């Protein structure tokens, strides 16, 4: 029962990850940074639940290794995208209105 529920959660997170990346691609400039941060958080949740599935022996060494490689690549892409967006987003002027 637990492994089945965990599998469903992981499936939902994979689906949500694809959705968040697609949404970020189409988001307006002012909403992209928030959207990519959500994608980053979702990826962290996905990694957490996959690790839990591995520890419960719901997935084996080969499966976790293959998934880890792919998720690391996705994480690097999201991190680069987030960094690029953060550099493009103007920061508020310090001392404004003082």
N, C-alpha and C. Protein backbone atom coordinates (compact mmCIF):
# COMPACT_ATOMS: atom_id res chain seq x y z
N UNK A 1 0.83 -1.20 0.00
CA UNK A 1 0.00 0.00 0.00
C UNK A 1 0.87 1.25 0.00
N UNK A 2 1.89 1.30 0.89
CA UNK A 2 2.75 2.46 0.98
C UNK A 2 3.53 2.67 -0.31
N UNK A 3 4.07 1.58 -0.88
CA UNK A 3 4.84 1.69 -2.11
C UNK A 3 3.96 2.19 -3.26
N UNK A 4 2.71 1.73 -3.29
CA UNK A 4 1.77 2.17 -4.33
C UNK A 4 1.49 3.66 -4.19
N UNK A 5 1.23 4.11 -2.97
CA UNK A 5 0.98 5.54 -2.73
C UNK A 5 2.20 6.38 -3.06
N UNK A 6 3.36 5.88 -2.73
CA UNK A 6 4.61 6.57 -3.02
C UNK A 6 4.82 6.67 -4.53
N UNK A 7 4.52 5.58 -5.23
CA UNK A 7 4.61 5.59 -6.69
C UNK A 7 3.68 6.61 -7.32
N UNK A 8 2.47 6.71 -6.79
CA UNK A 8 1.52 7.71 -7.28
C UNK A 8 2.04 9.13 -7.04
N UNK A 9 2.61 9.36 -5.87
CA UNK A 9 3.15 10.68 -5.53
C UNK A 9 4.28 11.04 -6.49
N UNK A 10 5.17 10.10 -6.76
CA UNK A 10 6.29 10.34 -7.66
C UNK A 10 5.78 10.62 -9.07
N UNK A 11 4.78 9.88 -9.51
CA UNK A 11 4.18 10.12 -10.83
C UNK A 11 3.59 11.51 -10.91
N UNK A 12 2.90 11.93 -9.85
CA UNK A 12 2.33 13.28 -9.82
C UNK A 12 3.41 14.35 -9.88
N UNK A 13 4.51 14.12 -9.17
CA UNK A 13 5.60 15.10 -9.16
C UNK A 13 6.29 15.18 -10.53
N UNK A 14 6.46 14.05 -11.21
CA UNK A 14 7.03 14.07 -12.56
C UNK A 14 6.13 14.86 -13.50
N UNK A 15 4.83 14.61 -13.42
CA UNK A 15 3.87 15.33 -14.26
C UNK A 15 3.88 16.82 -13.94
N UNK A 16 3.91 17.14 -12.66
CA UNK A 16 3.94 18.55 -12.23
C UNK A 16 5.22 19.23 -12.71
N UNK A 17 6.34 18.50 -12.71
CA UNK A 17 7.62 19.07 -13.15
C UNK A 17 7.53 19.48 -14.62
N UNK A 18 7.00 18.61 -15.44
CA UNK A 18 6.85 18.94 -16.87
C UNK A 18 5.93 20.15 -17.03
N UNK A 19 4.86 20.17 -16.27
CA UNK A 19 3.90 21.28 -16.31
C UNK A 19 4.56 22.60 -15.90
N UNK A 20 5.33 22.58 -14.82
CA UNK A 20 5.97 23.81 -14.34
C UNK A 20 7.01 24.34 -15.33
N UNK A 21 7.75 23.46 -15.96
CA UNK A 21 8.74 23.90 -16.95
C UNK A 21 8.03 24.51 -18.15
N UNK A 22 6.95 23.90 -18.58
CA UNK A 22 6.18 24.44 -19.70
C UNK A 22 5.57 25.80 -19.34
N UNK A 23 5.01 25.90 -18.16
CA UNK A 23 4.41 27.16 -17.70
C UNK A 23 5.48 28.26 -17.64
N UNK A 24 6.65 27.91 -17.13
CA UNK A 24 7.74 28.89 -17.03
C UNK A 24 8.13 29.39 -18.41
N UNK A 25 8.19 28.51 -19.38
CA UNK A 25 8.55 28.90 -20.74
C UNK A 25 7.59 29.90 -21.34
N UNK A 26 6.33 29.81 -20.97
CA UNK A 26 5.31 30.70 -21.51
C UNK A 26 4.96 31.87 -20.60
N UNK A 27 5.52 31.91 -19.41
CA UNK A 27 5.19 32.97 -18.44
C UNK A 27 5.74 34.31 -18.90
N UNK A 28 5.05 35.37 -18.48
CA UNK A 28 5.54 36.72 -18.76
C UNK A 28 6.82 36.95 -17.96
N UNK A 29 7.61 37.92 -18.38
CA UNK A 29 8.91 38.17 -17.74
C UNK A 29 8.79 38.34 -16.23
N UNK A 30 7.76 39.06 -15.78
CA UNK A 30 7.62 39.33 -14.35
C UNK A 30 7.22 38.10 -13.54
N UNK A 31 6.77 37.03 -14.20
CA UNK A 31 6.35 35.82 -13.49
C UNK A 31 7.30 34.65 -13.67
N UNK A 32 8.26 34.78 -14.58
CA UNK A 32 9.17 33.67 -14.87
C UNK A 32 10.01 33.25 -13.67
N UNK A 33 10.56 34.19 -12.92
CA UNK A 33 11.43 33.85 -11.80
C UNK A 33 10.66 33.06 -10.74
N UNK A 34 9.46 33.50 -10.42
CA UNK A 34 8.63 32.76 -9.46
C UNK A 34 8.29 31.37 -9.95
N UNK A 35 8.00 31.25 -11.24
CA UNK A 35 7.64 29.96 -11.82
C UNK A 35 8.83 29.00 -11.80
N UNK A 36 10.02 29.51 -12.10
CA UNK A 36 11.19 28.63 -12.13
C UNK A 36 11.58 28.21 -10.69
N UNK A 37 11.32 29.08 -9.73
CA UNK A 37 11.56 28.71 -8.33
C UNK A 37 10.62 27.58 -7.92
N UNK A 38 9.38 27.62 -8.39
CA UNK A 38 8.44 26.53 -8.11
C UNK A 38 8.92 25.23 -8.75
N UNK A 39 9.44 25.32 -9.97
CA UNK A 39 9.96 24.13 -10.65
C UNK A 39 11.15 23.56 -9.88
N UNK A 40 11.99 24.42 -9.35
CA UNK A 40 13.14 23.98 -8.58
C UNK A 40 12.70 23.28 -7.29
N UNK A 41 11.73 23.85 -6.61
CA UNK A 41 11.20 23.22 -5.39
C UNK A 41 10.57 21.87 -5.70
N UNK A 42 9.80 21.81 -6.78
CA UNK A 42 9.17 20.54 -7.17
C UNK A 42 10.22 19.48 -7.48
N UNK A 43 11.31 19.89 -8.12
CA UNK A 43 12.38 18.94 -8.42
C UNK A 43 13.01 18.40 -7.13
N UNK A 44 13.19 19.26 -6.15
CA UNK A 44 13.72 18.81 -4.87
C UNK A 44 12.78 17.82 -4.19
N UNK A 45 11.48 18.08 -4.27
CA UNK A 45 10.50 17.15 -3.72
C UNK A 45 10.56 15.81 -4.45
N UNK A 46 10.68 15.86 -5.76
CA UNK A 46 10.77 14.64 -6.55
C UNK A 46 11.99 13.81 -6.16
N UNK A 47 13.13 14.47 -6.00
CA UNK A 47 14.35 13.76 -5.58
C UNK A 47 14.18 13.14 -4.20
N UNK A 48 13.53 13.86 -3.30
CA UNK A 48 13.29 13.36 -1.95
C UNK A 48 12.44 12.08 -1.97
N UNK A 49 11.35 12.12 -2.72
CA UNK A 49 10.46 10.96 -2.74
C UNK A 49 11.09 9.78 -3.50
N UNK A 50 11.91 10.07 -4.50
CA UNK A 50 12.63 8.99 -5.17
C UNK A 50 13.63 8.33 -4.22
N UNK A 51 14.30 9.14 -3.42
CA UNK A 51 15.24 8.58 -2.44
C UNK A 51 14.49 7.72 -1.42
N UNK A 52 13.31 8.18 -1.03
CA UNK A 52 12.50 7.40 -0.11
C UNK A 52 12.09 6.07 -0.74
N UNK A 53 11.71 6.11 -2.02
CA UNK A 53 11.34 4.88 -2.72
C UNK A 53 12.53 3.92 -2.80
N UNK A 54 13.71 4.46 -3.02
CA UNK A 54 14.92 3.63 -3.06
C UNK A 54 15.17 2.99 -1.70
N UNK A 55 15.06 3.76 -0.65
CA UNK A 55 15.31 3.23 0.70
C UNK A 55 14.28 2.18 1.10
N UNK A 56 13.07 2.30 0.55
CA UNK A 56 12.03 1.30 0.83
C UNK A 56 12.10 0.13 -0.15
N UNK A 57 13.12 0.16 -1.01
CA UNK A 57 13.35 -0.90 -2.00
C UNK A 57 12.23 -1.01 -3.03
N UNK A 58 11.57 0.12 -3.28
CA UNK A 58 10.54 0.17 -4.32
C UNK A 58 11.19 0.35 -5.69
N UNK A 59 12.40 0.91 -5.72
CA UNK A 59 13.19 1.00 -6.94
C UNK A 59 14.60 0.50 -6.63
N UNK A 60 15.27 -0.03 -7.65
CA UNK A 60 16.59 -0.62 -7.42
C UNK A 60 17.72 0.35 -7.73
N UNK A 61 18.95 -0.11 -7.52
CA UNK A 61 20.15 0.73 -7.72
C UNK A 61 20.24 1.29 -9.13
N UNK A 62 19.99 0.44 -10.12
CA UNK A 62 20.09 0.89 -11.52
C UNK A 62 19.05 1.96 -11.82
N UNK A 63 17.84 1.78 -11.33
CA UNK A 63 16.78 2.76 -11.58
C UNK A 63 17.11 4.10 -10.92
N UNK A 64 17.55 4.08 -9.67
CA UNK A 64 17.86 5.34 -8.97
C UNK A 64 19.06 6.01 -9.62
N UNK A 65 20.03 5.23 -10.10
CA UNK A 65 21.20 5.81 -10.76
C UNK A 65 20.81 6.50 -12.05
N UNK A 66 20.00 5.84 -12.87
CA UNK A 66 19.55 6.44 -14.13
C UNK A 66 18.71 7.69 -13.89
N UNK A 67 17.81 7.61 -12.93
CA UNK A 67 16.98 8.77 -12.61
C UNK A 67 17.83 9.92 -12.06
N UNK A 68 18.80 9.59 -11.24
CA UNK A 68 19.66 10.63 -10.65
C UNK A 68 20.43 11.40 -11.73
N UNK A 69 20.93 10.69 -12.72
CA UNK A 69 21.66 11.35 -13.81
C UNK A 69 20.75 12.33 -14.54
N UNK A 70 19.56 11.86 -14.89
CA UNK A 70 18.62 12.72 -15.62
C UNK A 70 18.16 13.91 -14.77
N UNK A 71 17.85 13.65 -13.51
CA UNK A 71 17.37 14.73 -12.64
C UNK A 71 18.47 15.73 -12.34
N UNK A 72 19.71 15.30 -12.29
CA UNK A 72 20.82 16.23 -12.11
C UNK A 72 20.93 17.16 -13.31
N UNK A 73 20.77 16.62 -14.50
CA UNK A 73 20.80 17.44 -15.71
C UNK A 73 19.66 18.46 -15.70
N UNK A 74 18.48 18.00 -15.33
CA UNK A 74 17.33 18.91 -15.26
C UNK A 74 17.59 19.99 -14.21
N UNK A 75 18.12 19.59 -13.07
CA UNK A 75 18.43 20.54 -12.01
C UNK A 75 19.45 21.58 -12.45
N UNK A 76 20.46 21.15 -13.20
CA UNK A 76 21.46 22.10 -13.71
C UNK A 76 20.83 23.09 -14.69
N UNK A 77 19.92 22.60 -15.53
CA UNK A 77 19.24 23.49 -16.48
C UNK A 77 18.35 24.49 -15.74
N UNK A 78 17.61 24.00 -14.77
CA UNK A 78 16.74 24.88 -13.99
C UNK A 78 17.56 25.91 -13.23
N UNK A 79 18.66 25.46 -12.62
CA UNK A 79 19.54 26.37 -11.89
C UNK A 79 20.12 27.46 -12.78
N UNK A 80 20.55 27.07 -13.98
CA UNK A 80 21.07 28.06 -14.93
C UNK A 80 20.01 29.04 -15.37
N UNK A 81 18.81 28.54 -15.61
CA UNK A 81 17.69 29.38 -16.02
C UNK A 81 17.34 30.35 -14.89
N UNK A 82 17.32 29.84 -13.67
CA UNK A 82 17.01 30.67 -12.50
C UNK A 82 18.06 31.76 -12.32
N UNK A 83 19.33 31.40 -12.47
CA UNK A 83 20.41 32.38 -12.33
C UNK A 83 20.31 33.45 -13.40
N UNK A 84 20.03 33.05 -14.63
CA UNK A 84 19.88 34.01 -15.73
C UNK A 84 18.72 34.96 -15.44
N UNK A 85 17.60 34.43 -14.99
CA UNK A 85 16.44 35.26 -14.69
C UNK A 85 16.72 36.21 -13.52
N UNK A 86 17.42 35.70 -12.51
CA UNK A 86 17.74 36.54 -11.34
C UNK A 86 18.64 37.70 -11.76
N UNK A 87 19.57 37.45 -12.69
CA UNK A 87 20.46 38.51 -13.15
C UNK A 87 19.73 39.54 -14.01
N UNK A 88 18.65 39.13 -14.67
CA UNK A 88 17.88 40.03 -15.52
C UNK A 88 16.85 40.84 -14.73
N UNK A 89 16.50 40.36 -13.54
CA UNK A 89 15.49 41.01 -12.73
C UNK A 89 16.12 42.17 -11.97
N UNK A 90 15.63 43.39 -12.21
CA UNK A 90 16.21 44.53 -11.49
C UNK A 90 15.90 44.45 -10.00
N UNK A 91 16.90 44.72 -9.19
CA UNK A 91 16.68 44.72 -7.75
C UNK A 91 16.18 46.09 -7.32
N UNK A 92 15.39 46.15 -6.25
CA UNK A 92 14.89 47.44 -5.78
C UNK A 92 16.05 48.33 -5.34
N UNK A 93 15.90 49.62 -5.59
CA UNK A 93 16.94 50.56 -5.18
C UNK A 93 16.98 50.66 -3.67
N UNK A 94 18.17 50.50 -3.13
CA UNK A 94 18.29 50.62 -1.68
C UNK A 94 18.25 52.09 -1.29
N UNK A 95 17.58 52.35 -0.22
CA UNK A 95 17.50 53.72 0.28
C UNK A 95 16.45 54.56 -0.43
N UNK A 96 15.66 53.98 -1.32
CA UNK A 96 14.65 54.74 -2.03
C UNK A 96 13.59 55.23 -1.06
N UNK A 97 13.23 56.48 -1.18
CA UNK A 97 12.19 57.05 -0.33
C UNK A 97 12.70 57.49 1.02
N UNK A 98 14.01 57.51 1.22
CA UNK A 98 14.58 57.90 2.50
C UNK A 98 14.83 59.36 2.52
